[in-house]
Protein backbone atom coordinates (compact mmCIF):
# COMPACT_ATOMS: atom_id res chain seq x y z
CA MET A 1 105.95 93.72 85.36
CA PRO A 2 108.99 95.96 86.14
CA GLY A 3 111.96 94.73 84.25
CA GLY A 4 109.90 92.11 82.49
CA THR A 5 112.06 89.39 84.08
CA ILE A 6 109.32 87.02 85.21
CA PHE A 7 108.06 86.30 81.71
CA CYS A 8 110.92 83.98 80.74
CA GLU A 9 111.71 80.25 80.64
CA SER A 10 113.49 80.29 84.01
CA ALA A 11 110.39 81.66 85.80
CA LEU A 12 108.44 78.66 84.54
CA THR A 13 110.85 76.13 85.89
CA GLY A 14 112.24 75.25 89.37
CA LYS A 15 115.25 77.44 88.67
CA GLY A 16 113.23 80.61 89.14
CA VAL A 17 114.13 84.29 88.79
CA ILE A 18 114.32 87.28 91.18
CA PRO A 19 112.00 90.00 89.71
CA THR A 20 113.34 93.54 89.40
CA ARG A 21 112.79 95.73 92.52
CA CYS A 22 112.24 92.60 94.69
CA HIS A 23 114.29 91.46 97.67
CA LYS A 24 116.73 88.69 96.92
CA SER A 25 114.71 86.31 99.13
CA ILE A 26 111.77 86.54 96.72
CA LYS A 27 112.21 84.18 93.77
CA VAL A 28 109.42 83.28 91.38
CA LYS A 29 109.32 79.61 90.42
CA TYR A 30 106.77 77.70 88.32
CA LEU A 31 105.10 81.03 87.48
CA CYS A 32 101.35 81.09 87.94
CA ASP A 33 98.57 83.72 88.45
CA ASP A 34 99.19 83.75 92.22
CA ASP A 35 102.77 84.98 91.67
CA ILE A 36 101.57 87.78 89.44
CA VAL A 37 98.92 88.89 91.91
CA PHE A 38 101.41 88.88 94.75
CA LEU A 39 103.91 91.04 92.86
CA MET A 40 101.16 93.46 91.78
CA LYS A 41 100.19 93.95 95.45
CA ASN A 42 103.74 94.46 96.64
CA LEU A 43 105.60 96.36 93.91
CA GLY A 44 103.31 99.37 93.67
CA ILE A 45 102.39 98.87 90.06
CA GLY A 46 100.13 101.65 88.86
CA ALA A 47 97.53 99.35 87.26
CA ALA A 48 97.21 97.33 90.46
CA HIS A 49 94.95 99.81 92.19
CA SER A 50 92.20 99.64 89.57
CA PHE A 51 92.53 95.89 89.34
CA PHE A 52 92.04 95.27 93.07
CA CYS A 53 89.65 98.13 93.88
CA ARG A 54 86.24 97.17 92.56
CA LYS A 55 84.79 100.67 92.52
CA ASP A 56 87.65 101.85 90.20
CA ARG A 57 87.77 98.69 88.06
CA TYR A 58 87.00 98.75 84.36
CA ALA A 59 84.34 96.38 83.07
CA PRO A 60 84.63 94.83 79.59
CA LEU A 61 81.54 95.37 77.45
CA TRP A 62 82.38 91.96 75.89
CA LYS A 63 84.64 89.42 77.55
CA SER A 64 85.82 87.13 74.79
CA GLU A 65 86.72 86.87 71.21
CA ALA A 66 83.52 84.84 70.61
CA GLU A 67 81.39 87.68 71.99
CA PHE A 68 83.16 90.19 69.80
CA CYS A 69 82.68 88.07 66.72
CA ALA A 70 78.95 87.69 67.53
CA LEU A 71 78.54 91.49 67.91
CA PHE A 72 80.69 92.37 64.94
CA HIS A 73 79.81 89.80 62.32
CA LYS A 74 80.23 90.65 58.63
CA ASP A 75 76.82 89.32 57.79
CA VAL A 76 75.42 92.17 59.83
CA TRP A 77 78.08 94.85 59.33
CA GLY A 78 78.93 94.26 55.70
CA ASP A 79 81.64 96.58 54.34
CA ASP A 80 81.37 98.73 57.46
CA LEU A 81 83.26 96.05 59.38
CA LEU A 82 86.41 96.82 57.37
CA ARG A 83 85.85 100.50 57.91
CA LEU A 84 85.53 99.94 61.66
CA LYS A 85 88.85 97.97 61.62
CA ARG A 86 90.65 100.76 59.76
CA MET A 87 89.27 103.43 62.10
CA PHE A 88 90.06 101.47 65.26
CA GLU A 89 93.60 100.74 63.97
CA GLY A 90 94.20 104.41 63.45
CA PHE A 91 92.51 105.53 66.66
CA THR A 92 94.19 103.13 69.04
CA GLY A 93 97.59 103.81 67.38
CA PHE A 94 97.07 107.64 67.67
CA LEU A 95 96.03 107.26 71.39
CA ARG A 96 99.28 105.32 72.02
CA ARG A 97 101.40 108.06 70.46
CA LEU A 98 99.71 110.65 72.62
CA ASP A 99 100.19 108.42 75.68
CA ILE A 100 96.48 108.38 76.30
CA SER A 101 95.30 105.27 78.15
CA GLU A 102 91.72 106.38 79.00
CA ILE A 103 89.25 108.14 76.78
CA ASN A 104 87.69 110.75 78.96
CA SER A 105 87.06 114.57 79.00
CA GLU A 106 90.79 115.40 79.27
CA ALA A 107 91.63 113.05 76.37
CA ARG A 108 88.79 114.69 74.38
CA ARG A 109 90.49 118.11 74.87
CA THR A 110 93.77 116.65 73.72
CA LEU A 111 92.19 115.28 70.61
CA ASN A 112 90.72 118.69 69.87
CA GLN A 113 94.11 120.30 70.31
CA GLU A 114 95.76 117.83 67.95
CA LEU A 115 92.98 118.45 65.41
CA GLU A 116 93.56 122.22 65.56
CA LYS A 117 97.34 121.71 65.15
CA ALA A 118 96.71 119.58 62.00
CA ARG A 119 94.40 122.27 60.61
CA LYS A 120 96.97 124.96 61.18
CA GLY A 121 99.55 122.77 59.41
CA VAL A 122 97.30 122.66 56.39
CA ARG A 123 96.91 126.36 56.29
CA LYS A 124 100.75 126.89 56.38
CA ILE A 125 101.37 124.64 53.32
CA SER A 126 100.45 125.53 49.80
CA ARG A 127 97.51 123.50 48.47
CA ASP A 128 99.30 122.12 45.45
CA SER A 129 102.05 120.34 47.39
CA THR A 130 102.21 116.64 48.28
CA LYS A 131 102.69 117.51 51.97
CA SER A 132 99.43 119.49 51.84
CA LEU A 133 97.53 116.39 50.68
CA ASP A 134 98.99 114.37 53.56
CA LYS A 135 98.07 117.04 56.02
CA VAL A 136 94.54 117.12 54.69
CA VAL A 137 94.33 113.33 55.27
CA PHE A 138 95.63 113.72 58.83
CA VAL A 139 93.06 116.42 59.52
CA GLY A 140 90.32 114.15 58.26
CA GLN A 141 91.51 111.32 60.47
CA ARG A 142 91.68 113.55 63.54
CA GLU A 143 88.14 114.83 62.78
CA ILE A 144 86.92 111.21 62.77
CA PHE A 145 88.72 110.55 66.06
CA CYS A 146 87.14 113.56 67.73
CA SER A 147 83.69 112.60 66.39
CA PHE A 148 84.07 109.05 67.68
CA ALA A 149 85.01 110.45 71.13
CA ASP A 150 81.82 112.45 70.94
CA VAL A 151 79.88 109.20 70.35
CA LEU A 152 81.35 107.72 73.52
CA GLU A 153 80.63 110.83 75.53
CA ARG A 154 76.95 111.04 74.33
CA PHE A 155 76.49 107.36 75.05
CA SER A 156 77.78 107.92 78.60
CA LYS A 157 75.41 110.77 79.17
CA ASP A 158 72.45 108.79 77.81
CA LYS A 159 73.17 105.73 79.91
CA GLY A 160 74.21 107.66 83.12
CA CYS A 161 77.76 106.13 82.99
CA PRO A 162 81.08 108.00 83.49
CA PHE A 163 82.83 109.14 80.38
CA LYS A 164 85.80 106.88 80.97
CA TYR A 165 86.72 104.16 78.38
CA GLN A 166 89.66 102.11 77.35
CA ILE A 167 90.06 100.35 74.02
CA LEU A 168 92.36 97.38 73.83
CA ASP A 169 93.68 96.30 70.50
CA ALA A 170 94.16 92.50 70.76
CA LYS A 171 95.89 91.97 67.43
CA MET A 172 99.18 91.26 69.14
CA PHE A 173 98.23 87.64 69.74
CA LYS A 174 97.10 84.89 67.30
CA SER A 175 94.10 82.97 68.42
CA GLY A 176 92.32 79.80 67.36
CA PHE A 177 90.03 81.89 65.17
CA GLU A 178 92.91 82.45 62.75
CA THR A 179 94.31 78.92 62.70
CA GLY A 180 93.02 75.44 62.11
CA LYS A 181 94.13 74.06 65.47
CA LEU A 182 90.72 74.26 67.11
CA SER A 183 89.13 72.34 64.24
CA ASP A 184 91.42 69.39 64.83
CA ILE A 185 90.71 68.97 68.48
CA LEU A 186 89.06 65.58 69.15
CA ILE A 187 85.74 65.67 71.00
CA GLU A 188 84.31 62.55 72.65
CA LEU A 189 80.49 62.52 72.32
CA GLY A 190 79.90 58.98 73.57
CA GLU A 191 81.39 55.72 74.57
CA SER A 192 81.91 54.08 71.16
CA GLU A 193 84.88 54.81 68.93
CA GLY A 194 82.70 56.48 66.29
CA ASP A 195 81.57 59.07 68.78
CA ILE A 196 85.02 60.71 68.74
CA VAL A 197 84.94 63.50 66.15
CA LYS A 198 86.91 66.57 65.28
CA PHE A 199 85.65 69.85 66.85
CA GLY A 200 85.46 71.43 63.40
CA ASN A 201 83.00 68.84 62.34
CA ILE A 202 80.35 69.87 64.86
CA THR A 203 80.58 73.63 64.89
CA ARG A 204 81.29 76.43 62.31
CA VAL A 205 81.88 79.12 64.97
CA LEU A 206 85.49 78.30 65.76
CA GLY A 207 88.48 76.75 64.20
CA GLY A 208 89.82 78.84 61.31
CA ARG A 209 87.72 76.93 58.71
CA SER A 210 87.18 78.50 55.31
CA ASP A 211 83.53 79.10 56.12
CA ASN A 212 84.59 81.34 58.97
CA SER A 213 85.71 84.04 56.48
CA ASN A 214 83.05 86.40 57.73
CA LEU A 215 84.56 86.51 61.26
CA PRO A 216 86.57 89.59 62.16
CA LYS A 217 90.39 89.08 61.89
CA ASN A 218 91.17 91.82 64.45
CA VAL A 219 89.62 91.84 67.93
CA TYR A 220 89.14 94.95 70.03
CA TYR A 221 87.89 95.20 73.64
CA VAL A 222 86.12 98.21 75.06
CA PHE A 223 86.30 98.77 78.83
CA ALA A 224 84.06 101.18 80.75
CA LYS A 225 83.70 102.23 84.38
CA LYS A 226 80.64 101.86 86.64
CA LEU A 227 78.20 100.50 84.14
CA ASN A 228 74.60 101.06 85.10
CA GLY A 229 72.06 98.47 84.12
CA ASP A 230 72.18 95.30 82.04
CA LYS A 231 75.75 94.98 80.61
CA VAL A 232 74.58 92.86 77.67
CA ARG A 233 71.99 95.49 76.72
CA LEU A 234 74.64 98.27 77.17
CA SER A 235 77.07 96.40 74.95
CA ARG A 236 74.50 96.02 72.22
CA ASP A 237 73.49 99.63 72.48
CA LEU A 238 77.06 100.79 72.23
CA VAL A 239 77.67 98.51 69.20
CA ASP A 240 74.56 99.98 67.60
CA SER A 241 75.86 103.58 68.21
CA VAL A 242 79.24 102.68 66.76
CA LYS A 243 77.64 100.97 63.78
CA ARG A 244 75.55 104.10 63.02
CA PHE A 245 78.67 106.25 63.34
CA VAL A 246 80.66 104.11 60.91
CA HIS A 247 77.84 103.88 58.43
CA ASP A 248 77.17 107.64 58.53
CA ASN A 249 80.88 108.42 58.02
CA ALA A 250 81.61 105.67 55.49
CA GLU A 251 82.73 108.05 52.82
CA LYS A 252 85.13 109.90 55.04
CA ILE A 253 86.57 106.65 56.53
CA ASP A 254 87.18 105.30 53.05
CA ARG A 255 88.88 108.52 51.99
CA PHE A 256 91.04 109.05 55.00
CA PHE A 257 91.93 105.50 56.14
CA ALA A 258 92.03 103.34 53.07
CA ALA A 259 95.49 104.14 51.68
CA VAL A 260 97.38 106.51 54.00
CA LYS A 261 98.41 105.44 57.48
CA GLU A 262 97.58 107.80 60.40
CA SER A 263 100.53 109.77 61.56
């Protein structure tokens, strides 16, 4: 929200705040979803159009952390799950530095240009220098990024969907998957006192328990436009495509993402 003024303690109380760019008569009190929707409609926020216009709205290929963990479980992915995490960290960070919010044909051209710049940088530096080694790593990372964009583009063509994707890195928040709080929630199963048990005693899916070590620690969401067909099937097909890509490029990902951060 412009100015960021509504996300504060005063906005949650009866005192309220006047958001940036709003008339003084508009004061947000006891902040709720309705206030945010109202401001999105009236302040001309860029993201509001795609949010309110269904035909331009992005659809998440999986909607929750639980769905992500079911699709990207270590028992199925093995060591490739860590490779996926490293690649996604580098890819989303690189997109942010390039100010790319949507992976599309234009973004693909920009990625190609950045790859060519990195290759030229390697050619200008002598091969025996430390800088040259770093440049080689950066070239390798950019090659992976371009190849991954190719995977998304081919998937779009195969499924008859627009080549328009967004990837959200959700590591900025800590959820119940990484803590023990969910395990300690009391669940009432019946009328007697003995029927009240801890949530962690009846499920191993949630709660930060030690036996949840196979669950991914970082969550990513992929959004696409105008999905055609069964979204569940499309989600699984995309995950399969990504899994093949990571597995086929395992050696390169280990080499270029294990020790050196993307720059």
